[in-house]
Protein backbone atom coordinates (compact mmCIF):
# COMPACT_ATOMS: atom_id res chain seq x y z
CA MET A 1 51.77 26.64 42.63
CA VAL A 2 48.29 28.10 42.38
CA PHE A 3 47.15 30.98 40.18
CA VAL A 4 43.85 32.70 40.96
CA ASP A 5 41.96 35.15 38.77
CA ALA A 6 38.28 35.93 38.41
CA HIS A 7 38.39 36.56 34.67
CA HIS A 8 38.22 33.87 32.02
CA SER A 9 40.56 35.73 29.65
CA SER A 10 43.23 35.94 32.36
CA THR A 11 43.00 32.28 33.35
CA THR A 12 43.14 31.28 29.69
CA LEU A 13 46.34 33.32 29.29
CA ILE A 14 47.85 31.78 32.45
CA ARG A 15 47.06 28.26 31.24
CA GLY A 16 48.59 29.07 27.85
CA ASN A 17 51.73 30.39 29.49
CA LEU A 18 52.02 27.29 31.65
CA ASP A 19 51.61 25.10 28.56
CA SER A 20 54.35 27.04 26.74
CA LEU A 21 56.65 26.47 29.73
CA GLU A 22 55.90 22.76 29.48
CA ALA A 23 55.16 22.64 33.21
CA PRO A 24 54.72 19.05 34.38
CA ASP A 25 51.16 17.91 35.06
CA GLY A 26 50.13 18.91 38.55
CA ALA A 27 52.92 21.48 38.94
CA ALA A 28 50.42 24.33 38.87
CA ARG A 29 46.69 24.88 39.23
CA VAL A 30 44.62 27.70 37.83
CA ILE A 31 41.49 28.69 39.72
CA GLN A 32 38.96 30.98 38.06
CA ARG A 33 37.22 32.63 41.01
CA PRO A 34 37.21 35.93 42.87
CA ALA A 35 40.21 36.00 45.22
CA MET A 36 38.27 35.90 48.49
CA ARG A 37 36.25 32.89 47.34
CA ALA A 38 39.40 31.10 46.21
CA VAL A 39 41.10 31.84 49.55
CA GLY A 40 38.18 30.22 51.36
CA GLU A 41 38.34 27.14 49.17
CA LEU A 42 42.11 26.85 49.52
CA ALA A 43 41.87 27.23 53.32
CA ARG A 44 39.59 24.20 53.43
CA SER A 45 42.22 22.21 51.52
CA ARG A 46 44.75 22.91 54.33
CA GLU A 47 47.46 23.86 51.84
CA VAL A 48 50.22 26.13 53.13
CA PHE A 49 52.14 28.58 50.94
CA ASP A 50 55.47 30.35 51.39
CA LEU A 51 54.78 33.04 48.79
CA VAL A 52 51.49 34.79 48.08
CA TRP A 53 51.21 37.57 45.49
CA ALA A 54 48.16 39.82 45.09
CA ASP A 55 48.00 41.99 41.97
CA PRO A 56 44.43 43.28 41.73
CA PRO A 57 43.36 46.09 39.41
CA PHE A 58 44.68 49.32 40.92
CA GLU A 59 41.21 50.67 41.70
CA SER A 60 40.59 47.57 43.88
CA TRP A 61 43.98 47.29 45.54
CA ARG A 62 42.32 47.02 48.97
CA ASP A 63 40.71 43.77 47.81
CA GLY A 64 44.23 42.41 47.38
CA LEU A 65 45.18 43.44 50.90
CA ASP A 66 41.99 41.83 52.21
CA ALA A 67 42.78 38.60 50.35
CA LEU A 68 46.29 38.52 51.83
CA ALA A 69 44.88 39.06 55.32
CA ALA A 70 42.32 36.28 54.73
CA ALA A 71 45.09 33.94 53.58
CA VAL A 72 46.94 34.59 56.86
CA SER A 73 43.88 34.20 59.07
CA GLY A 74 42.79 31.12 57.09
CA GLY A 75 46.07 29.35 57.82
CA LEU A 76 47.16 29.36 54.17
CA VAL A 77 50.62 30.81 54.77
CA SER A 78 53.65 29.62 56.68
CA GLU A 79 55.01 31.76 59.50
CA ALA A 80 57.99 32.64 57.27
CA ALA A 81 55.88 33.42 54.21
CA VAL A 82 56.38 36.47 52.03
CA LEU A 83 53.16 38.19 50.98
CA CYS A 84 53.31 40.74 48.17
CA LEU A 85 50.77 43.37 47.24
CA GLU A 86 51.05 45.28 44.00
CA CYS A 87 49.21 48.57 44.30
CA PRO A 88 49.29 52.25 43.32
CA ALA A 89 52.33 54.13 44.63
CA SER A 90 49.99 56.42 46.59
CA ALA A 91 48.06 53.60 48.31
CA PRO A 92 48.06 54.13 52.10
CA VAL A 93 48.92 50.50 52.85
CA GLU A 94 50.69 51.34 56.12
CA SER A 95 47.53 52.75 57.69
CA LEU A 96 45.38 49.76 56.65
CA LEU A 97 47.64 46.84 57.55
CA PRO A 98 45.89 44.00 59.37
CA GLU A 99 47.17 43.38 62.89
CA ARG A 100 49.32 40.33 62.11
CA LEU A 101 51.10 41.81 59.09
CA GLU A 102 54.04 44.18 58.83
CA ILE A 103 55.95 45.67 55.92
CA ALA A 104 59.21 43.87 55.21
CA ARG A 105 60.10 45.87 52.11
CA ASP A 106 58.47 48.55 49.99
CA LEU A 107 59.50 48.79 46.34
CA LYS A 108 58.26 51.87 44.47
CA GLY A 109 58.58 52.57 40.79
CA GLY A 110 56.61 55.09 38.82
CA ALA A 111 52.89 54.84 39.48
CA SER A 112 53.07 51.48 41.26
CA ARG A 113 54.63 49.80 44.21
CA VAL A 114 55.10 46.29 45.53
CA VAL A 115 54.70 46.04 49.27
CA MET A 116 56.32 42.91 50.66
CA LEU A 117 54.69 41.83 53.90
CA ARG A 118 55.47 39.26 56.57
CA ILE A 119 53.73 37.91 59.60
CA ALA A 120 54.68 40.04 62.58
CA GLU A 121 56.41 38.48 65.57
CA PRO A 122 53.93 37.99 68.45
């Protein structure tokens, strides 16, 4: 399990939460970097993930979509992976989807939504 956030306060909170859960050593990593930089570093490690969740600040929701697309193109996700984007309810995700991704489920609630994506069949 890998957590990525660019802000020190967020990564400190994540580490504290992991400590309170008494997660075994090595069960999770916390990377303090911008998402796109972390995706590049993780792609070089050749790790593959089955679940990727992007929850950027609402005003930068497109950065989250870009990071998910980079994870796919960088070989970071399995073919059966679920990719989730949390974004404003009004975000036009459908019109900006990268070629290899399709919406599997769209969950809306109030001002936000979680768009669950999958790799499209060729």
